Amino acid sequence: MIADDDPGIVDAVEIILDFEGYQVSSTVNGATILDMKTEFPDLLLLDIWMSGFDGRDICRKLKNDDTTKRIPIIMISASRDIERSAYDAGADDFLAKPFEIDELLGKIRKLLEV
């Protein structure tokens, strides 16, 4: 699942991941993630700065919930300065925007292999 309030990033990443054979869902609204009760994603690509939501707060909530704590989360941000705070919030990995698609795909493969 991709969660980013930039529709351009969502569309581009969704197309690439779909091409790579992944089944992709997306949202531009952080509340959608917190409202999940069933059908959880295998991995979440989560923007740190989303309209009205801080991705780090979403990450903390997911990682503190027994039903979602095992979902790997890659946090993304245009600000490289907040990488440490992403890990502190429980993120499994971090990617600074703009990022190389090969780097994203490598991180996804690594987290899904575990």
N, C-alpha and C. Protein backbone atom coordinates (compact mmCIF):
# COMPACT_ATOMS: atom_id res chain seq x y z
N MET A 1 0.84 -1.17 0.00
CA MET A 1 0.00 0.00 0.00
C MET A 1 0.89 1.24 0.00
N ILE A 2 0.49 2.23 -0.80
CA ILE A 2 1.18 3.51 -0.85
C ILE A 2 0.29 4.55 -0.19
N ALA A 3 0.85 5.31 0.75
CA ALA A 3 0.11 6.39 1.39
C ALA A 3 0.93 7.67 1.27
N ASP A 4 0.50 8.54 0.38
CA ASP A 4 1.20 9.80 0.13
C ASP A 4 0.18 10.80 -0.35
N ASP A 5 0.26 12.05 0.11
CA ASP A 5 -0.72 13.04 -0.30
C ASP A 5 -0.38 13.70 -1.63
N ASP A 6 0.68 13.24 -2.28
CA ASP A 6 1.04 13.73 -3.61
C ASP A 6 0.55 12.72 -4.65
N PRO A 7 -0.56 13.00 -5.34
CA PRO A 7 -1.11 12.04 -6.29
C PRO A 7 -0.13 11.65 -7.39
N GLY A 8 0.77 12.55 -7.76
CA GLY A 8 1.77 12.25 -8.78
C GLY A 8 2.71 11.13 -8.33
N ILE A 9 3.16 11.20 -7.09
CA ILE A 9 4.03 10.16 -6.55
C ILE A 9 3.26 8.84 -6.44
N VAL A 10 2.03 8.93 -5.92
CA VAL A 10 1.21 7.72 -5.78
C VAL A 10 1.03 7.05 -7.13
N ASP A 11 0.65 7.82 -8.15
CA ASP A 11 0.42 7.25 -9.48
C ASP A 11 1.69 6.63 -10.06
N ALA A 12 2.80 7.34 -9.97
CA ALA A 12 4.05 6.85 -10.55
C ALA A 12 4.51 5.57 -9.86
N VAL A 13 4.52 5.58 -8.54
CA VAL A 13 4.98 4.40 -7.80
C VAL A 13 4.02 3.23 -8.01
N GLU A 14 2.74 3.52 -8.04
CA GLU A 14 1.74 2.47 -8.25
C GLU A 14 1.94 1.79 -9.61
N ILE A 15 2.18 2.57 -10.65
CA ILE A 15 2.40 2.02 -11.99
C ILE A 15 3.64 1.13 -12.01
N ILE A 16 4.72 1.61 -11.40
CA ILE A 16 5.97 0.84 -11.40
C ILE A 16 5.82 -0.46 -10.61
N LEU A 17 5.21 -0.38 -9.43
CA LEU A 17 5.04 -1.59 -8.62
C LEU A 17 4.10 -2.58 -9.29
N ASP A 18 3.06 -2.07 -9.94
CA ASP A 18 2.15 -2.93 -10.68
C ASP A 18 2.89 -3.64 -11.81
N PHE A 19 3.73 -2.90 -12.51
CA PHE A 19 4.55 -3.47 -13.59
C PHE A 19 5.48 -4.56 -13.06
N GLU A 20 5.97 -4.39 -11.83
CA GLU A 20 6.88 -5.36 -11.21
C GLU A 20 6.12 -6.58 -10.66
N GLY A 21 4.79 -6.56 -10.76
CA GLY A 21 4.00 -7.72 -10.34
C GLY A 21 3.38 -7.62 -8.97
N TYR A 22 3.49 -6.48 -8.33
CA TYR A 22 2.90 -6.29 -7.02
C TYR A 22 1.44 -5.87 -7.16
N GLN A 23 0.61 -6.35 -6.25
CA GLN A 23 -0.77 -5.89 -6.18
C GLN A 23 -0.75 -4.66 -5.28
N VAL A 24 -1.14 -3.51 -5.82
CA VAL A 24 -0.96 -2.24 -5.14
C VAL A 24 -2.29 -1.57 -4.84
N SER A 25 -2.40 -1.05 -3.63
CA SER A 25 -3.51 -0.16 -3.28
C SER A 25 -2.87 1.15 -2.83
N SER A 26 -3.65 2.21 -2.85
CA SER A 26 -3.07 3.50 -2.48
C SER A 26 -4.11 4.39 -1.83
N THR A 27 -3.60 5.39 -1.13
CA THR A 27 -4.46 6.41 -0.53
C THR A 27 -3.68 7.71 -0.43
N VAL A 28 -4.41 8.81 -0.50
CA VAL A 28 -3.79 10.11 -0.28
C VAL A 28 -4.25 10.67 1.08
N ASN A 29 -4.91 9.82 1.87
CA ASN A 29 -5.48 10.23 3.14
C ASN A 29 -4.98 9.32 4.27
N GLY A 30 -4.30 9.90 5.23
CA GLY A 30 -3.76 9.14 6.35
C GLY A 30 -4.83 8.43 7.17
N ALA A 31 -6.03 8.99 7.22
CA ALA A 31 -7.11 8.38 8.00
C ALA A 31 -7.47 7.01 7.45
N THR A 32 -7.32 6.82 6.15
CA THR A 32 -7.63 5.52 5.54
C THR A 32 -6.81 4.41 6.17
N ILE A 33 -5.56 4.70 6.47
CA ILE A 33 -4.67 3.69 7.06
C ILE A 33 -5.14 3.35 8.47
N LEU A 34 -5.46 4.37 9.23
CA LEU A 34 -5.87 4.14 10.62
C LEU A 34 -7.24 3.47 10.71
N ASP A 35 -8.03 3.56 9.65
CA ASP A 35 -9.36 2.95 9.63
C ASP A 35 -9.33 1.48 9.21
N MET A 36 -8.16 0.96 8.81
CA MET A 36 -8.07 -0.44 8.38
C MET A 36 -8.41 -1.37 9.54
N LYS A 37 -9.30 -2.29 9.30
CA LYS A 37 -9.67 -3.29 10.32
C LYS A 37 -9.35 -4.70 9.85
N THR A 38 -9.41 -4.91 8.55
CA THR A 38 -9.08 -6.21 7.94
C THR A 38 -8.37 -5.94 6.62
N GLU A 39 -7.94 -6.99 5.98
CA GLU A 39 -7.26 -6.83 4.69
C GLU A 39 -6.07 -5.88 4.77
N PHE A 40 -5.15 -6.21 5.65
CA PHE A 40 -3.97 -5.36 5.83
C PHE A 40 -2.97 -5.59 4.70
N PRO A 41 -2.21 -4.56 4.33
CA PRO A 41 -1.21 -4.73 3.27
C PRO A 41 -0.02 -5.54 3.76
N ASP A 42 0.71 -6.11 2.82
CA ASP A 42 1.94 -6.85 3.16
C ASP A 42 3.07 -5.88 3.50
N LEU A 43 2.96 -4.65 3.00
CA LEU A 43 3.98 -3.63 3.22
C LEU A 43 3.33 -2.26 3.02
N LEU A 44 3.79 -1.27 3.76
CA LEU A 44 3.25 0.08 3.65
C LEU A 44 4.37 1.06 3.31
N LEU A 45 4.19 1.80 2.23
CA LEU A 45 5.08 2.89 1.85
C LEU A 45 4.38 4.16 2.31
N LEU A 46 4.90 4.78 3.36
CA LEU A 46 4.20 5.84 4.07
C LEU A 46 4.96 7.16 4.06
N ASP A 47 4.33 8.20 3.53
CA ASP A 47 4.91 9.54 3.53
C ASP A 47 4.88 10.11 4.95
N ILE A 48 5.93 10.81 5.34
CA ILE A 48 5.97 11.39 6.68
C ILE A 48 5.03 12.59 6.78
N TRP A 49 5.02 13.45 5.77
CA TRP A 49 4.16 14.64 5.82
C TRP A 49 2.96 14.44 4.92
N MET A 50 1.82 14.10 5.52
CA MET A 50 0.58 13.96 4.77
C MET A 50 -0.40 15.01 5.27
N SER A 51 -1.25 15.49 4.40
CA SER A 51 -2.21 16.53 4.77
C SER A 51 -3.01 16.13 6.01
N GLY A 52 -2.80 16.89 7.08
CA GLY A 52 -3.55 16.65 8.31
C GLY A 52 -3.02 15.52 9.17
N PHE A 53 -2.02 14.80 8.70
CA PHE A 53 -1.48 13.67 9.45
C PHE A 53 0.04 13.66 9.39
N ASP A 54 0.63 13.25 10.49
CA ASP A 54 2.07 13.03 10.53
C ASP A 54 2.26 11.53 10.40
N GLY A 55 2.95 11.12 9.34
CA GLY A 55 3.17 9.70 9.10
C GLY A 55 3.84 8.99 10.26
N ARG A 56 4.66 9.73 11.02
CA ARG A 56 5.31 9.11 12.17
C ARG A 56 4.29 8.71 13.23
N ASP A 57 3.23 9.53 13.41
CA ASP A 57 2.17 9.17 14.35
C ASP A 57 1.41 7.93 13.87
N ILE A 58 1.15 7.87 12.57
CA ILE A 58 0.48 6.71 12.00
C ILE A 58 1.35 5.47 12.20
N CYS A 59 2.64 5.60 11.93
CA CYS A 59 3.57 4.49 12.10
C CYS A 59 3.57 3.99 13.54
N ARG A 60 3.66 4.91 14.50
CA ARG A 60 3.66 4.53 15.92
C ARG A 60 2.40 3.75 16.27
N LYS A 61 1.25 4.25 15.81
CA LYS A 61 -0.02 3.57 16.12
C LYS A 61 -0.05 2.17 15.52
N LEU A 62 0.40 2.03 14.30
CA LEU A 62 0.42 0.71 13.66
C LEU A 62 1.38 -0.24 14.37
N LYS A 63 2.54 0.25 14.74
CA LYS A 63 3.55 -0.59 15.38
C LYS A 63 3.19 -0.93 16.83
N ASN A 64 2.29 -0.15 17.44
CA ASN A 64 1.85 -0.44 18.82
C ASN A 64 0.58 -1.27 18.88
N ASP A 65 0.05 -1.66 17.74
CA ASP A 65 -1.17 -2.45 17.67
C ASP A 65 -0.80 -3.89 17.29
N ASP A 66 -1.25 -4.84 18.08
CA ASP A 66 -0.89 -6.25 17.83
C ASP A 66 -1.30 -6.73 16.44
N THR A 67 -2.38 -6.21 15.89
CA THR A 67 -2.84 -6.69 14.59
C THR A 67 -2.05 -6.10 13.42
N THR A 68 -1.35 -5.00 13.63
CA THR A 68 -0.63 -4.34 12.52
C THR A 68 0.87 -4.18 12.76
N LYS A 69 1.36 -4.57 13.91
CA LYS A 69 2.76 -4.27 14.24
C LYS A 69 3.77 -4.99 13.35
N ARG A 70 3.36 -6.06 12.69
CA ARG A 70 4.30 -6.81 11.84
C ARG A 70 4.32 -6.33 10.39
N ILE A 71 3.49 -5.35 10.05
CA ILE A 71 3.49 -4.81 8.69
C ILE A 71 4.77 -3.98 8.50
N PRO A 72 5.62 -4.36 7.54
CA PRO A 72 6.82 -3.56 7.30
C PRO A 72 6.42 -2.17 6.77
N ILE A 73 7.08 -1.15 7.30
CA ILE A 73 6.78 0.22 6.89
C ILE A 73 8.05 0.89 6.40
N ILE A 74 7.99 1.38 5.16
CA ILE A 74 9.06 2.22 4.61
C ILE A 74 8.51 3.64 4.62
N MET A 75 9.15 4.50 5.39
CA MET A 75 8.73 5.90 5.43
C MET A 75 9.50 6.67 4.38
N ILE A 76 8.80 7.61 3.72
CA ILE A 76 9.43 8.44 2.70
C ILE A 76 9.22 9.91 3.04
N SER A 77 10.19 10.72 2.68
CA SER A 77 10.08 12.16 2.95
C SER A 77 11.03 12.93 2.05
N ALA A 78 10.63 14.14 1.74
CA ALA A 78 11.50 15.04 0.98
C ALA A 78 12.59 15.62 1.87
N SER A 79 12.43 15.47 3.18
CA SER A 79 13.41 15.99 4.13
C SER A 79 14.30 14.87 4.65
N ARG A 80 15.56 14.92 4.31
CA ARG A 80 16.51 13.91 4.79
C ARG A 80 16.82 14.09 6.28
N ASP A 81 16.55 15.28 6.80
CA ASP A 81 16.88 15.60 8.18
C ASP A 81 16.02 14.86 9.20
N ILE A 82 14.92 14.27 8.77
CA ILE A 82 14.03 13.62 9.73
C ILE A 82 14.09 12.09 9.65
N GLU A 83 15.11 11.57 8.99
CA GLU A 83 15.26 10.12 8.88
C GLU A 83 15.28 9.45 10.25
N ARG A 84 16.04 9.99 11.17
CA ARG A 84 16.15 9.40 12.52
C ARG A 84 14.78 9.33 13.19
N SER A 85 13.97 10.37 13.03
CA SER A 85 12.64 10.36 13.66
C SER A 85 11.73 9.31 13.05
N ALA A 86 11.95 8.98 11.78
CA ALA A 86 11.17 7.92 11.15
C ALA A 86 11.49 6.57 11.81
N TYR A 87 12.77 6.31 12.03
CA TYR A 87 13.17 5.07 12.70
C TYR A 87 12.69 5.06 14.15
N ASP A 88 12.76 6.21 14.80
CA ASP A 88 12.29 6.30 16.18
C ASP A 88 10.79 6.00 16.29
N ALA A 89 10.05 6.30 15.24
CA ALA A 89 8.61 6.04 15.23
C ALA A 89 8.29 4.58 14.94
N GLY A 90 9.32 3.80 14.58
CA GLY A 90 9.12 2.38 14.34
C GLY A 90 9.24 1.94 12.90
N ALA A 91 9.60 2.86 12.00
CA ALA A 91 9.74 2.50 10.59
C ALA A 91 10.80 1.42 10.42
N ASP A 92 10.56 0.54 9.47
CA ASP A 92 11.51 -0.53 9.17
C ASP A 92 12.60 -0.05 8.21
N ASP A 93 12.29 1.00 7.44
CA ASP A 93 13.27 1.56 6.52
C ASP A 93 12.85 2.99 6.18
N PHE A 94 13.74 3.72 5.52
CA PHE A 94 13.49 5.12 5.17
C PHE A 94 14.02 5.36 3.77
N LEU A 95 13.32 6.23 3.04
CA LEU A 95 13.73 6.60 1.70
C LEU A 95 13.49 8.09 1.52
N ALA A 96 14.52 8.82 1.12
CA ALA A 96 14.39 10.27 0.90
C ALA A 96 13.93 10.53 -0.53
N LYS A 97 12.99 11.48 -0.68
CA LYS A 97 12.54 11.91 -2.01
C LYS A 97 13.51 12.96 -2.53
N PRO A 98 13.79 13.01 -3.79
CA PRO A 98 13.39 12.02 -4.79
C PRO A 98 14.24 10.77 -4.63
N PHE A 99 13.67 9.63 -4.94
CA PHE A 99 14.40 8.38 -4.79
C PHE A 99 14.49 7.64 -6.11
N GLU A 100 15.46 6.77 -6.18
CA GLU A 100 15.63 5.92 -7.35
C GLU A 100 14.68 4.73 -7.22
N ILE A 101 14.01 4.40 -8.29
CA ILE A 101 13.06 3.28 -8.27
C ILE A 101 13.76 1.98 -7.90
N ASP A 102 14.97 1.77 -8.39
CA ASP A 102 15.70 0.53 -8.06
C ASP A 102 15.96 0.43 -6.56
N GLU A 103 16.23 1.57 -5.92
CA GLU A 103 16.45 1.57 -4.48
C GLU A 103 15.16 1.20 -3.75
N LEU A 104 14.04 1.77 -4.18
CA LEU A 104 12.74 1.44 -3.59
C LEU A 104 12.44 -0.05 -3.77
N LEU A 105 12.61 -0.56 -4.96
CA LEU A 105 12.32 -1.97 -5.22
C LEU A 105 13.21 -2.89 -4.37
N GLY A 106 14.47 -2.51 -4.20
CA GLY A 106 15.38 -3.30 -3.36
C GLY A 106 14.91 -3.33 -1.91
N LYS A 107 14.48 -2.20 -1.40
CA LYS A 107 13.99 -2.15 -0.01
C LYS A 107 12.71 -2.97 0.15
N ILE A 108 11.83 -2.88 -0.82
CA ILE A 108 10.59 -3.66 -0.76
C ILE A 108 10.90 -5.15 -0.77
N ARG A 109 11.74 -5.58 -1.70
CA ARG A 109 12.10 -7.01 -1.78
C ARG A 109 12.72 -7.50 -0.47
N LYS A 110 13.61 -6.70 0.07
CA LYS A 110 14.28 -7.07 1.33
C LYS A 110 13.28 -7.26 2.46
N LEU A 111 12.34 -6.34 2.61
CA LEU A 111 11.38 -6.41 3.72
C LEU A 111 10.34 -7.50 3.51
N LEU A 112 10.02 -7.82 2.27
CA LEU A 112 9.02 -8.86 2.02
C LEU A 112 9.62 -10.26 2.12
N GLU A 113 10.95 -10.38 2.03
CA GLU A 113 11.61 -11.69 2.14
C GLU A 113 11.62 -12.20 3.57
N VAL A 114 11.60 -11.30 4.52
CA VAL A 114 11.73 -11.69 5.93
C VAL A 114 10.53 -12.48 6.39
